[in-house]
């Protein structure tokens, strides 16, 4: 009896010890789950019970100046994602195979994504609805819905393909603006993303009665540019022709501006590229060797293709810069437009012991007025004027015309001009500046200078966006033009425009004539660097000069064709063709009577 009692007590003790040990283990496990792995398990549970996806907002639309012609818009596409934890083990392979076949993807990669222990994996972004409809059909036929999501997405589309490509820019795969207006105004164009969230059980069914919680995305604001679609197309047509015909190895650009408010009506850089395929190289020669190039070379080539030379590159303006010297000399009372014999070209001029030749040194221009000096593009005339103006005053005019700072045009990547510091400029350096050599400016600075002259001497800042429109309310915010200080008087501006008219009617710019209209201009030719053998040829102009409504700059880089590299022979003719079409398009009334040809 006593032994039985002892055995029973031992058994009870063993049981109690076992219970105690089990309790300790259970408490430890509970503590581990709750305190050590609590957050991890909570996240897993949430991942298995929830499905949260982002709905990308449409970017605002970009219009030309009419507010009707679309240059960039967002189109609706769809994105496919999966919730791997909610796809049953027996269906993973089948789902992976379907996604691979429908969207032409790599099976091994897709199977890995479908098999991951994660809440959501992206399979394919921004595909057309035709493809996602195939997936919907497969899901229906196989009765597999759990863990597969098809959501609305947005894709940037450029209806005009390459038109104004260097101005508009493009977006990356994340809908972020990467270049041009798309990058500069990214915050305004970008909308507010929406979302889809829902709670689901182990079988993929919705918890509760509400199902999905859908937060609608907000569309970004629209932009209305100063660019005119039709004027841009005219500029690009003739720019492409002249670059091809004259074999301009480094391309070219055309800028057309309204001098009254700074509106850039066209800004074209050749060669163009397709905004819908910005990573496809446009250069035929590079296309042939593209696969042989390393990644660094490819990247450099793409950056070069995207580069907007009109604002990002500097060049020696050559004789077009004589307009600045002429303006300064008239403003300072040093010269008059039509004083006979005010200057005498002997083929060159000596400055500080250095003889600087006129371009026509072999047959000197002889006695000239300032008007004739500009018409002949005579270097000694402007060298002499520069010396009379002096370094300090000359740099004041550089400042007033905007050459010592960026224009502030609303694009990223604008370059600075390259001038010697004022204190380092001696007589010879001032001489070369006076006729447009041994310094560099940007094309946008040059057309801003001539627009200042055309705007009665008042500096006007160039701009590319004139309005921001709320895509939800249609409320419009106007961006007002920005005017700077007066560079020259109205009288000086009028005199310079008159002399520019003579350059086109009788001088080196005669190839830019437009029948029935007073057109003013100045030609330019300069070497691209020192002893490079390359040239930059240009023409800068105003039309009509009695009531300036448009200014133009044509810049061609290294023309190597049979037509040569002189501004009057290569750049002026294309400027005349562009002006003729633009004037007709704008409906500008003729300023001169056109004589009818007799039969």
Protein backbone atom coordinates (compact mmCIF):
# COMPACT_ATOMS: atom_id res chain seq x y z
CA UNK A 1 0.00 0.00 0.00
CA UNK A 2 2.77 2.31 1.05
CA UNK A 3 4.65 1.45 -2.19
CA UNK A 4 1.61 2.26 -4.31
CA UNK A 5 1.29 5.65 -2.66
CA UNK A 6 4.96 6.36 -3.30
CA UNK A 7 4.64 5.32 -6.96
CA UNK A 8 1.60 7.54 -7.36
CA UNK A 9 3.43 10.48 -5.85
CA UNK A 10 6.38 9.91 -8.17
CA UNK A 11 4.05 9.80 -11.19
CA UNK A 12 2.33 12.99 -10.07
CA UNK A 13 5.73 14.66 -9.63
CA UNK A 14 6.81 13.60 -13.13
CA UNK A 15 3.54 14.92 -14.55
CA UNK A 16 3.91 18.19 -12.68
CA UNK A 17 7.51 18.56 -13.88
CA UNK A 18 6.38 17.79 -17.45
CA UNK A 19 3.58 20.31 -17.19
CA UNK A 20 5.99 22.88 -15.79
CA UNK A 21 8.48 22.25 -18.60
CA UNK A 22 5.72 22.41 -21.21
CA UNK A 23 4.45 25.63 -19.68
CA UNK A 24 7.92 27.16 -19.78
CA UNK A 25 8.36 26.11 -23.40
CA UNK A 26 4.91 27.41 -24.30
CA UNK A 27 5.52 30.72 -22.55
CA UNK A 28 8.90 30.97 -24.29
CA UNK A 29 7.36 30.27 -27.67
CA UNK A 30 4.61 32.80 -27.02
CA UNK A 31 7.17 35.40 -25.95
CA UNK A 32 9.25 34.63 -29.04
CA UNK A 33 6.26 34.98 -31.35
CA UNK A 34 4.94 38.07 -29.65
CA UNK A 35 8.07 40.01 -28.76
CA UNK A 36 10.92 38.68 -30.90
CA UNK A 37 9.22 37.81 -34.20
CA UNK A 38 6.07 39.83 -33.64
CA UNK A 39 6.72 42.50 -36.26
CA UNK A 40 7.96 39.97 -38.82
CA UNK A 41 4.90 37.76 -38.43
CA UNK A 42 2.59 40.74 -38.37
CA UNK A 43 4.04 41.92 -41.67
CA UNK A 44 3.67 38.42 -43.14
CA UNK A 45 0.09 38.22 -42.02
CA UNK A 46 -0.63 41.64 -43.46
CA UNK A 47 1.06 40.62 -46.70
CA UNK A 48 -1.12 37.52 -46.93
CA UNK A 49 -4.28 39.33 -45.91
CA UNK A 50 -3.85 42.57 -47.85
CA UNK A 51 -3.31 43.70 -51.42
CA UNK A 52 -2.02 47.28 -51.73
CA UNK A 53 -1.14 48.71 -55.16
CA UNK A 54 -0.28 52.16 -56.43
CA UNK A 55 -2.28 53.71 -59.27
CA UNK A 56 0.01 56.05 -61.22
CA UNK A 57 -1.48 59.46 -61.91
CA UNK A 58 -1.60 60.85 -65.44
CA UNK A 59 0.84 63.68 -66.08
CA UNK A 60 -0.58 66.95 -67.31
CA UNK A 61 -0.89 67.53 -71.04
CA UNK A 62 1.56 69.80 -72.89
CA UNK A 63 -0.01 72.00 -75.58
CA UNK A 64 1.43 74.39 -78.11
CA UNK A 65 0.60 78.12 -77.87
CA UNK A 66 -2.91 77.60 -79.29
CA UNK A 67 -3.89 75.56 -76.22
CA UNK A 68 -5.36 72.95 -78.58
CA UNK A 69 -2.51 71.18 -80.37
CA UNK A 70 -1.21 68.42 -78.09
CA UNK A 71 2.55 67.91 -77.94
CA UNK A 72 2.65 65.46 -75.00
CA UNK A 73 -0.07 63.53 -73.21
CA UNK A 74 -0.58 60.53 -70.97
CA UNK A 75 -2.46 57.55 -72.37
CA UNK A 76 -4.08 54.80 -70.30
CA UNK A 77 -2.33 51.44 -70.25
CA UNK A 78 -2.25 48.66 -67.65
CA UNK A 79 0.24 47.11 -65.25
CA UNK A 80 0.20 43.49 -64.08
CA UNK A 81 1.32 42.53 -60.58
CA UNK A 82 1.01 39.37 -58.49
CA UNK A 83 0.68 38.61 -54.77
CA UNK A 84 2.87 35.47 -54.58
CA UNK A 85 1.68 34.52 -51.07
CA UNK A 86 -1.88 34.34 -52.39
CA UNK A 87 -1.14 32.06 -55.35
CA UNK A 88 -1.51 28.43 -54.32
CA UNK A 89 1.49 26.12 -54.69
CA UNK A 90 -0.26 23.98 -57.32
CA UNK A 91 -1.00 27.10 -59.46
CA UNK A 92 2.36 28.87 -59.33
CA UNK A 93 3.88 27.07 -62.29
CA UNK A 94 0.71 27.45 -64.34
CA UNK A 95 0.45 31.20 -63.60
CA UNK A 96 4.13 31.76 -64.39
CA UNK A 97 3.77 29.94 -67.70
CA UNK A 98 0.71 32.00 -68.69
CA UNK A 99 2.38 35.31 -67.82
CA UNK A 100 5.47 34.27 -69.78
CA UNK A 101 3.55 33.29 -72.91
CA UNK A 102 1.16 36.25 -72.99
CA UNK A 103 3.74 38.97 -72.34
CA UNK A 104 6.71 37.24 -74.00
CA UNK A 105 8.87 37.18 -70.88
CA UNK A 106 11.59 34.93 -69.45
CA UNK A 107 9.94 31.96 -67.70
CA UNK A 108 12.65 31.41 -65.08
CA UNK A 109 12.54 35.03 -63.94
CA UNK A 110 8.74 35.11 -63.78
CA UNK A 111 8.55 31.79 -61.91
CA UNK A 112 10.97 33.17 -59.29
CA UNK A 113 8.74 36.22 -58.81
CA UNK A 114 5.60 34.14 -58.56
CA UNK A 115 7.31 31.88 -56.00
CA UNK A 116 8.68 34.65 -53.77
CA UNK A 117 7.51 34.99 -50.19
CA UNK A 118 6.41 38.60 -50.72
CA UNK A 119 3.18 40.55 -50.77
CA UNK A 120 3.50 41.99 -54.29
CA UNK A 121 5.71 41.60 -57.38
CA UNK A 122 5.52 43.58 -60.62
CA UNK A 123 5.35 41.40 -63.72
CA UNK A 124 4.99 43.91 -66.54
CA UNK A 125 4.40 47.67 -66.68
CA UNK A 126 2.43 49.86 -69.06
CA UNK A 127 1.16 47.33 -71.57
CA UNK A 128 -1.72 47.81 -73.98
CA UNK A 129 -5.15 46.57 -72.98
CA UNK A 130 -5.13 43.99 -75.79
CA UNK A 131 -2.44 42.06 -73.92
CA UNK A 132 -4.09 42.30 -70.50
CA UNK A 133 -7.37 41.18 -72.04
CA UNK A 134 -5.60 37.96 -73.04
CA UNK A 135 -4.65 37.50 -69.38
CA UNK A 136 -8.22 38.16 -68.27
CA UNK A 137 -9.43 35.52 -70.72
CA UNK A 138 -6.90 32.99 -69.39
CA UNK A 139 -7.90 33.71 -65.77
CA UNK A 140 -11.54 33.12 -66.64
CA UNK A 141 -10.87 29.90 -68.55
CA UNK A 142 -8.70 28.50 -65.75
CA UNK A 143 -10.76 29.94 -62.89
CA UNK A 144 -7.62 31.41 -61.34
CA UNK A 145 -8.01 34.92 -59.97
CA UNK A 146 -6.35 34.94 -56.56
CA UNK A 147 -3.03 36.80 -56.44
CA UNK A 148 -3.18 38.25 -59.97
CA UNK A 149 -3.83 42.00 -60.33
CA UNK A 150 -4.45 44.10 -63.44
CA UNK A 151 -4.44 47.83 -62.70
CA UNK A 152 -4.75 50.99 -64.74
CA UNK A 153 -1.46 52.75 -65.40
CA UNK A 154 -0.26 55.65 -67.50
CA UNK A 155 2.21 55.99 -70.35
CA UNK A 156 3.62 59.20 -71.86
CA UNK A 157 2.87 59.62 -75.55
CA UNK A 158 4.08 62.27 -78.00
CA UNK A 159 1.64 62.61 -80.94
CA UNK A 160 4.12 64.60 -83.07
CA UNK A 161 6.98 62.14 -82.44
CA UNK A 162 10.15 64.20 -83.06
CA UNK A 163 8.63 67.69 -83.28
CA UNK A 164 10.34 70.05 -80.81
CA UNK A 165 12.05 67.02 -79.29
CA UNK A 166 14.85 69.02 -77.67
CA UNK A 167 12.35 71.41 -76.10
CA UNK A 168 9.72 69.00 -74.82
CA UNK A 169 12.04 66.24 -73.55
CA UNK A 170 10.78 62.87 -72.34
CA UNK A 171 9.95 60.77 -69.28
CA UNK A 172 11.57 57.72 -67.72
CA UNK A 173 9.98 54.39 -66.86
CA UNK A 174 8.83 55.80 -63.52
CA UNK A 175 6.89 58.60 -65.27
CA UNK A 176 9.48 61.15 -64.12
CA UNK A 177 10.49 63.94 -66.50
CA UNK A 178 14.09 63.43 -67.58
CA UNK A 179 14.76 66.20 -70.09
CA UNK A 180 13.41 69.42 -71.56
CA UNK A 181 10.09 70.87 -70.40
CA UNK A 182 9.16 67.46 -68.97
CA UNK A 183 12.04 67.76 -66.49
CA UNK A 184 11.94 71.53 -65.87
CA UNK A 185 8.21 71.50 -65.03
CA UNK A 186 8.08 67.99 -63.60
CA UNK A 187 6.55 69.06 -60.28
CA UNK A 188 3.72 70.87 -62.08
CA UNK A 189 3.05 68.12 -64.62
CA UNK A 190 3.17 65.30 -62.05
CA UNK A 191 -0.16 64.37 -60.50
CA UNK A 192 -0.97 62.69 -57.19
CA UNK A 193 -0.86 58.89 -57.34
CA UNK A 194 -3.90 56.91 -56.20
CA UNK A 195 -4.04 53.46 -54.60
CA UNK A 196 -6.02 50.24 -54.30
CA UNK A 197 -6.07 48.41 -50.98
CA UNK A 198 -8.14 45.45 -49.81
CA UNK A 199 -8.12 42.73 -47.12
CA UNK A 200 -8.38 39.12 -48.24
CA UNK A 201 -8.57 35.67 -46.61
CA UNK A 202 -6.32 32.67 -47.30
CA UNK A 203 -8.39 31.77 -50.37
CA UNK A 204 -8.08 35.25 -51.81
CA UNK A 205 -11.64 36.30 -50.99
CA UNK A 206 -12.45 39.77 -49.69
CA UNK A 207 -12.88 40.31 -45.95
CA UNK A 208 -16.07 42.11 -45.03
CA UNK A 209 -18.51 43.78 -47.37
CA UNK A 210 -16.52 46.78 -48.58
CA UNK A 211 -14.00 44.89 -50.75
CA UNK A 212 -11.48 47.19 -52.42
CA UNK A 213 -10.67 50.63 -51.09
CA UNK A 214 -9.95 52.74 -54.20
CA UNK A 215 -8.28 56.12 -53.92
CA UNK A 216 -8.50 57.90 -57.26
CA UNK A 217 -5.33 59.51 -58.65
CA UNK A 218 -5.24 63.25 -59.42
CA UNK A 219 -4.11 64.33 -62.87
CA UNK A 220 -1.18 66.78 -63.07
CA UNK A 221 -1.52 70.34 -64.36
CA UNK A 222 -1.36 71.16 -68.07
CA UNK A 223 1.20 73.44 -69.71
CA UNK A 224 0.60 75.77 -72.63
CA UNK A 225 3.88 76.54 -74.37
CA UNK A 226 4.91 79.55 -76.42
CA UNK A 227 5.96 77.12 -79.17
CA UNK A 228 3.74 77.24 -82.25
CA UNK A 229 3.38 73.76 -83.71
CA UNK A 230 3.23 75.01 -87.30
CA UNK A 231 6.13 77.45 -87.01
CA UNK A 232 8.18 74.72 -85.32
CA UNK A 233 7.40 72.37 -88.21
CA UNK A 234 8.46 75.01 -90.77
CA UNK A 235 11.74 75.61 -88.93
CA UNK A 236 12.49 71.89 -88.67
CA UNK A 237 11.70 71.23 -92.33
CA UNK A 238 14.17 73.79 -93.64
CA UNK A 239 16.77 73.10 -90.95
CA UNK A 240 16.88 69.42 -91.87
CA UNK A 241 17.13 70.26 -95.58
CA UNK A 242 20.00 72.73 -95.15
CA UNK A 243 21.94 70.41 -92.81
CA UNK A 244 21.67 67.53 -95.26
CA UNK A 245 22.28 69.58 -98.42
CA UNK A 246 25.31 71.36 -96.94
CA UNK A 247 26.62 68.32 -95.03
CA UNK A 248 26.64 70.04 -91.64
CA UNK A 249 28.58 67.40 -89.74
CA UNK A 250 27.70 68.82 -86.32
CA UNK A 251 24.08 69.70 -87.05
CA UNK A 252 22.42 73.05 -86.59
CA UNK A 253 19.66 74.98 -84.88
CA UNK A 254 16.96 77.54 -85.60
CA UNK A 255 15.30 79.80 -83.03
CA UNK A 256 12.32 82.00 -83.84
CA UNK A 257 11.13 84.48 -81.24
CA UNK A 258 8.47 87.15 -80.76
CA UNK A 259 10.54 90.17 -79.61
CA UNK A 260 7.51 91.90 -78.11
CA UNK A 261 7.13 89.43 -75.23
CA UNK A 262 10.03 86.96 -75.40
CA UNK A 263 7.88 84.07 -76.63
CA UNK A 264 9.98 81.39 -78.32
CA UNK A 265 7.81 80.37 -81.27
CA UNK A 266 10.21 77.68 -82.47
CA UNK A 267 13.42 76.12 -81.20
CA UNK A 268 14.80 73.38 -83.42
CA UNK A 269 18.03 71.43 -83.08
CA UNK A 270 19.11 68.99 -85.80
CA UNK A 271 19.36 66.02 -85.81
CA UNK A 272 15.99 65.39 -84.15
CA UNK A 273 14.96 62.25 -82.25
CA UNK A 274 11.69 60.41 -81.61
CA UNK A 275 10.33 61.26 -78.16
CA UNK A 276 8.35 58.02 -78.12
CA UNK A 277 11.62 56.09 -78.49
CA UNK A 278 14.24 58.33 -76.86
CA UNK A 279 16.76 55.53 -76.35
CA UNK A 280 16.88 54.64 -80.04
CA UNK A 281 19.80 56.45 -81.68
CA UNK A 282 18.81 58.56 -84.70
CA UNK A 283 22.23 58.85 -86.37
CA UNK A 284 22.36 56.30 -89.27
CA UNK A 285 26.14 55.88 -88.97
CA UNK A 286 25.96 55.17 -85.24
CA UNK A 287 23.12 52.71 -85.80
CA UNK A 288 25.42 50.52 -87.88
CA UNK A 289 28.03 50.19 -85.10
CA UNK A 290 25.69 50.47 -82.10
CA UNK A 291 26.08 46.86 -80.99
CA UNK A 292 29.88 47.18 -81.12
CA UNK A 293 29.93 50.18 -78.77
CA UNK A 294 30.45 49.82 -75.02
CA UNK A 295 27.99 51.22 -72.49
CA UNK A 296 29.97 54.42 -71.92
CA UNK A 297 30.06 55.16 -75.66
CA UNK A 298 26.33 54.47 -76.00
CA UNK A 299 25.54 56.75 -73.08
CA UNK A 300 27.69 59.54 -74.53
CA UNK A 301 25.99 59.19 -77.92
CA UNK A 302 22.52 59.36 -76.38
CA UNK A 303 23.44 62.41 -74.32
CA UNK A 304 24.70 64.07 -77.49
CA UNK A 305 21.46 63.24 -79.32
CA UNK A 306 19.36 64.75 -76.51
CA UNK A 307 21.55 67.86 -76.17
CA UNK A 308 19.75 71.11 -77.01
CA UNK A 309 22.56 73.02 -78.76
CA UNK A 310 20.43 76.17 -78.88
CA UNK A 311 20.90 76.67 -75.14
CA UNK A 312 23.59 74.21 -74.03
CA UNK A 313 26.41 74.91 -76.51
CA UNK A 314 28.50 78.03 -77.02
CA UNK A 315 30.07 79.28 -80.25
CA UNK A 316 31.87 82.27 -81.73
CA UNK A 317 29.12 84.40 -83.29
CA UNK A 318 31.37 86.10 -85.83
CA UNK A 319 30.02 89.11 -87.72
CA UNK A 320 26.47 88.83 -86.36
CA UNK A 321 27.97 90.32 -83.19
CA UNK A 322 28.78 93.54 -85.05
CA UNK A 323 25.19 94.56 -84.23
CA UNK A 324 26.30 95.00 -80.60
CA UNK A 325 29.25 97.20 -81.60
CA UNK A 326 27.05 99.21 -83.97
CA UNK A 327 24.42 99.69 -81.24
CA UNK A 328 26.99 100.83 -78.68
CA UNK A 329 28.69 103.27 -81.04
CA UNK A 330 25.37 104.88 -82.04
CA UNK A 331 24.20 105.06 -78.43
CA UNK A 332 27.46 106.71 -77.36
CA UNK A 333 27.29 109.23 -80.22
CA UNK A 334 30.57 107.96 -81.65
CA UNK A 335 29.08 107.25 -85.08
CA UNK A 336 26.12 108.05 -87.33
CA UNK A 337 24.43 105.61 -89.69
CA UNK A 338 24.94 107.54 -92.92
CA UNK A 339 27.86 109.92 -92.57
CA UNK A 340 29.74 109.59 -95.89
CA UNK A 341 33.42 108.67 -95.65
CA UNK A 342 33.32 108.25 -91.86
CA UNK A 343 35.52 105.15 -92.27
CA UNK A 344 38.13 103.97 -94.73
CA UNK A 345 38.99 100.29 -95.20
CA UNK A 346 42.55 99.76 -96.43
CA UNK A 347 42.37 95.98 -96.05
CA UNK A 348 43.29 95.92 -92.37
CA UNK A 349 43.92 97.91 -89.23
CA UNK A 350 46.85 97.95 -86.82
CA UNK A 351 46.05 97.63 -83.10
CA UNK A 352 48.86 97.66 -80.50
CA UNK A 353 51.37 96.55 -83.11
CA UNK A 354 49.16 93.78 -84.46
CA UNK A 355 47.67 94.09 -87.97
CA UNK A 356 44.16 92.60 -88.16
CA UNK A 357 42.90 92.00 -91.68
CA UNK A 358 39.51 92.68 -93.18
CA UNK A 359 37.94 89.58 -94.69
CA UNK A 360 38.25 91.35 -98.06
CA UNK A 361 41.84 92.48 -97.52
CA UNK A 362 42.73 91.65 -101.13
CA UNK A 363 40.22 94.28 -102.42
CA UNK A 364 39.63 96.82 -99.62
CA UNK A 365 36.22 98.44 -99.20
CA UNK A 366 37.67 101.96 -99.18
CA UNK A 367 35.50 104.89 -98.01
CA UNK A 368 32.39 103.79 -96.07
CA UNK A 369 29.60 105.04 -93.84
CA UNK A 370 28.57 102.93 -90.84
CA UNK A 371 25.62 101.56 -92.83
CA UNK A 372 27.96 100.54 -95.64
CA UNK A 373 30.39 99.06 -93.14
CA UNK A 374 27.62 96.83 -91.76
CA UNK A 375 26.41 95.95 -95.26
CA UNK A 376 29.97 94.98 -96.24
CA UNK A 377 30.66 93.34 -92.86
CA UNK A 378 33.94 95.26 -92.80
CA UNK A 379 36.07 94.26 -89.79
CA UNK A 380 38.26 97.43 -89.55
CA UNK A 381 35.15 99.63 -89.17
CA UNK A 382 34.01 97.76 -86.07
CA UNK A 383 37.49 97.32 -84.64
CA UNK A 384 37.92 101.10 -84.73
CA UNK A 385 34.50 101.64 -83.12
CA UNK A 386 35.31 99.15 -80.37
CA UNK A 387 38.50 101.06 -79.52
CA UNK A 388 36.53 104.31 -79.27
CA UNK A 389 33.85 102.78 -77.05
CA UNK A 390 36.50 101.38 -74.69
CA UNK A 391 36.58 98.23 -72.59
CA UNK A 392 34.52 99.51 -69.65
CA UNK A 393 31.68 100.87 -71.76
CA UNK A 394 31.76 97.87 -74.09
CA UNK A 395 31.32 95.51 -71.13
CA UNK A 396 28.42 97.66 -69.95
CA UNK A 397 26.68 96.90 -73.25
CA UNK A 398 27.51 93.22 -72.93
CA UNK A 399 25.76 93.32 -69.57
CA UNK A 400 22.74 95.23 -70.86
CA UNK A 401 22.27 92.88 -73.81
CA UNK A 402 22.43 89.89 -71.45
CA UNK A 403 25.76 88.35 -72.52
CA UNK A 404 27.38 88.24 -69.09
CA UNK A 405 24.67 86.07 -67.55
CA UNK A 406 22.36 83.23 -68.55
CA UNK A 407 19.10 84.31 -70.14
CA UNK A 408 17.11 82.33 -67.57
CA UNK A 409 15.04 80.53 -70.20
CA UNK A 410 12.85 77.89 -68.57
CA UNK A 411 14.95 74.83 -69.44
CA UNK A 412 17.70 73.04 -67.54
CA UNK A 413 21.21 72.94 -68.98
CA UNK A 414 21.66 76.51 -70.20
CA UNK A 415 25.36 77.28 -70.67
CA UNK A 416 27.24 80.43 -69.68
CA UNK A 417 28.97 82.64 -72.20
CA UNK A 418 32.78 82.69 -72.27
CA UNK A 419 34.39 86.15 -72.16
CA UNK A 420 37.72 87.33 -70.82
CA UNK A 421 37.45 89.06 -67.47
CA UNK A 422 37.10 92.79 -68.09
CA UNK A 423 40.40 93.61 -66.40
CA UNK A 424 42.25 91.21 -68.72
CA UNK A 425 40.99 92.78 -71.94
CA UNK A 426 43.63 94.76 -73.81
CA UNK A 427 43.40 96.62 -77.15
CA UNK A 428 43.84 93.48 -79.28
CA UNK A 429 41.30 91.49 -77.25
CA UNK A 430 38.78 94.35 -77.51
CA UNK A 431 39.42 94.47 -81.25
CA UNK A 432 38.53 90.80 -81.75
CA UNK A 433 35.44 91.08 -79.52
CA UNK A 434 34.26 94.06 -81.60
CA UNK A 435 33.84 91.91 -84.71
CA UNK A 436 32.65 88.76 -82.95
CA UNK A 437 35.67 86.51 -82.38
CA UNK A 438 37.70 84.98 -79.53
CA UNK A 439 34.76 84.60 -77.15
CA UNK A 440 31.71 82.35 -77.09
CA UNK A 441 28.00 82.85 -76.50
CA UNK A 442 24.90 80.65 -76.80
CA UNK A 443 22.38 80.88 -79.65
CA UNK A 444 19.64 81.80 -77.16
CA UNK A 445 21.74 84.77 -76.00
CA UNK A 446 22.19 85.94 -79.59
CA UNK A 447 18.52 85.90 -80.49
CA UNK A 448 17.72 87.60 -77.19
CA UNK A 449 20.14 90.38 -78.19
CA UNK A 450 18.51 90.97 -81.58
CA UNK A 451 15.06 90.73 -79.98
CA UNK A 452 16.11 93.51 -77.60
CA UNK A 453 16.96 95.69 -80.62
CA UNK A 454 13.65 94.74 -82.27
CA UNK A 455 11.80 95.52 -79.02
CA UNK A 456 12.81 99.20 -79.27
CA UNK A 457 15.88 98.65 -77.12
CA UNK A 458 14.18 96.98 -74.13
CA UNK A 459 15.66 93.67 -72.96
CA UNK A 460 13.13 90.83 -72.97
CA UNK A 461 13.75 87.43 -71.40
CA UNK A 462 13.02 84.41 -73.61
CA UNK A 463 10.39 81.99 -72.34
CA UNK A 464 8.84 78.68 -73.39
CA UNK A 465 5.78 78.38 -71.12
CA UNK A 466 3.06 81.04 -71.06
CA UNK A 467 0.28 79.37 -69.06
CA UNK A 468 -0.34 76.65 -66.46
CA UNK A 469 -3.82 75.15 -66.51
CA UNK A 470 -5.43 73.13 -63.73
CA UNK A 471 -6.53 69.91 -65.42
CA UNK A 472 -9.41 69.45 -62.95
CA UNK A 473 -10.90 72.97 -62.84
CA UNK A 474 -9.55 74.50 -66.09
CA UNK A 475 -8.35 77.47 -64.02
CA UNK A 476 -5.51 79.19 -65.91
CA UNK A 477 -2.44 80.84 -64.41
CA UNK A 478 -0.73 83.26 -66.80
CA UNK A 479 3.06 83.52 -66.75
CA UNK A 480 3.83 87.14 -67.46
CA UNK A 481 6.71 88.18 -69.76
CA UNK A 482 9.85 89.44 -68.01
CA UNK A 483 11.46 92.64 -69.27
CA UNK A 484 14.87 93.88 -68.19
CA UNK A 485 16.48 97.29 -68.33
CA UNK A 486 16.78 99.36 -71.46
CA UNK A 487 19.91 98.43 -73.44
CA UNK A 488 19.72 101.20 -76.05
CA UNK A 489 17.36 104.05 -76.87
CA UNK A 490 14.40 103.70 -79.25
CA UNK A 491 16.20 105.92 -81.75
CA UNK A 492 19.32 103.78 -81.68
CA UNK A 493 17.23 100.63 -82.08
CA UNK A 494 15.43 102.19 -85.05
CA UNK A 495 18.73 103.13 -86.68
CA UNK A 496 20.19 99.64 -86.22
CA UNK A 497 17.06 98.05 -87.70
CA UNK A 498 17.33 100.41 -90.66
CA UNK A 499 20.96 99.38 -91.25
CA UNK A 500 20.02 95.70 -90.89
CA UNK A 501 17.40 96.24 -93.59
CA UNK A 502 20.13 97.52 -95.90
CA UNK A 503 22.25 94.43 -95.16
CA UNK A 504 19.44 92.25 -96.55
CA UNK A 505 18.35 94.52 -99.39
CA UNK A 506 21.84 95.30 -100.71
CA UNK A 507 24.54 93.72 -98.55
CA UNK A 508 25.84 90.28 -97.50
CA UNK A 509 22.38 89.13 -96.35
CA UNK A 510 20.56 89.61 -99.67
CA UNK A 511 19.78 85.87 -99.89
CA UNK A 512 17.39 86.31 -96.95
CA UNK A 513 15.03 88.63 -98.84
CA UNK A 514 11.29 88.03 -98.59
CA UNK A 515 9.27 89.51 -101.46
CA UNK A 516 6.98 92.31 -100.28
CA UNK A 517 8.50 92.65 -96.80
CA UNK A 518 11.24 94.64 -95.13
CA UNK A 519 13.59 92.10 -93.61
CA UNK A 520 16.66 93.06 -91.62
CA UNK A 521 19.58 90.84 -90.77
CA UNK A 522 23.27 90.15 -90.40
CA UNK A 523 25.37 87.24 -91.59
CA UNK A 524 28.18 85.60 -89.65
CA UNK A 525 31.01 83.12 -90.20
CA UNK A 526 33.49 82.04 -87.56
CA UNK A 527 35.96 79.27 -86.92
CA UNK A 528 34.76 76.61 -84.49
CA UNK A 529 37.74 76.69 -82.15
CA UNK A 530 41.33 77.59 -83.01
CA UNK A 531 42.88 75.93 -86.07
CA UNK A 532 40.18 73.26 -86.21
CA UNK A 533 39.30 73.72 -89.86
CA UNK A 534 35.65 73.72 -88.79
CA UNK A 535 33.30 76.68 -89.21
CA UNK A 536 30.04 77.97 -87.76
CA UNK A 537 27.87 79.88 -90.21
CA UNK A 538 24.85 81.91 -89.16
CA UNK A 539 22.22 84.49 -90.01
CA UNK A 540 20.32 86.63 -87.51
CA UNK A 541 17.27 88.60 -88.61
CA UNK A 542 14.14 90.65 -87.88
CA UNK A 543 10.87 90.86 -89.81
CA UNK A 544 9.30 93.14 -90.71
CA UNK A 545 11.76 95.83 -89.63
CA UNK A 546 9.15 98.62 -89.68
CA UNK A 547 7.00 96.65 -87.19
CA UNK A 548 9.10 93.78 -85.74
CA UNK A 549 7.01 90.71 -84.98
CA UNK A 550 9.53 87.91 -85.34
CA UNK A 551 13.26 87.45 -84.93
CA UNK A 552 15.23 84.49 -86.25
CA UNK A 553 18.64 82.91 -85.77
CA UNK A 554 19.94 80.15 -88.03
CA UNK A 555 23.18 78.51 -86.84
CA UNK A 556 24.87 75.74 -88.84
CA UNK A 557 27.82 73.78 -87.46
CA UNK A 558 30.62 72.82 -89.85
CA UNK A 559 28.93 72.89 -93.26
CA UNK A 560 31.22 70.94 -95.59
CA UNK A 561 29.13 70.82 -98.77
CA UNK A 562 29.76 72.42 -102.13
CA UNK A 563 27.96 75.62 -101.02
CA UNK A 564 30.85 76.54 -98.73
CA UNK A 565 30.65 77.88 -95.20
CA UNK A 566 29.84 81.59 -95.57
CA UNK A 567 26.79 82.92 -93.71
CA UNK A 568 25.51 84.85 -96.71
CA UNK A 569 25.63 81.81 -98.98
CA UNK A 570 24.47 79.04 -96.64
CA UNK A 571 22.52 80.40 -93.64
CA UNK A 572 20.83 83.46 -95.19
CA UNK A 573 18.92 81.53 -97.89
CA UNK A 574 17.35 79.11 -95.42
CA UNK A 575 16.45 82.00 -93.12
CA UNK A 576 14.67 83.68 -96.04
CA UNK A 577 12.68 80.53 -96.81
CA UNK A 578 11.65 80.11 -93.18
CA UNK A 579 10.69 83.79 -92.80
CA UNK A 580 8.64 83.70 -96.00
CA UNK A 581 6.49 80.80 -94.75
CA UNK A 582 6.20 82.08 -91.18
CA UNK A 583 5.19 85.56 -92.32
CA UNK A 584 2.47 84.10 -94.54
CA UNK A 585 1.30 81.78 -91.76
CA UNK A 586 1.04 84.66 -89.27
CA UNK A 587 -0.86 86.77 -91.79
CA UNK A 588 1.51 89.73 -91.53
CA UNK A 589 0.54 92.43 -94.03
CA UNK A 590 3.10 93.21 -96.76
CA UNK A 591 5.26 96.27 -96.11
CA UNK A 592 6.29 96.94 -99.68
CA UNK A 593 4.56 96.85 -103.04
CA UNK A 594 5.43 93.85 -105.15
CA UNK A 595 6.01 94.68 -108.79
CA UNK A 596 4.25 92.32 -111.15
CA UNK A 597 6.45 90.67 -113.72
CA UNK A 598 5.67 91.67 -117.30
CA UNK A 599 4.96 88.92 -119.79
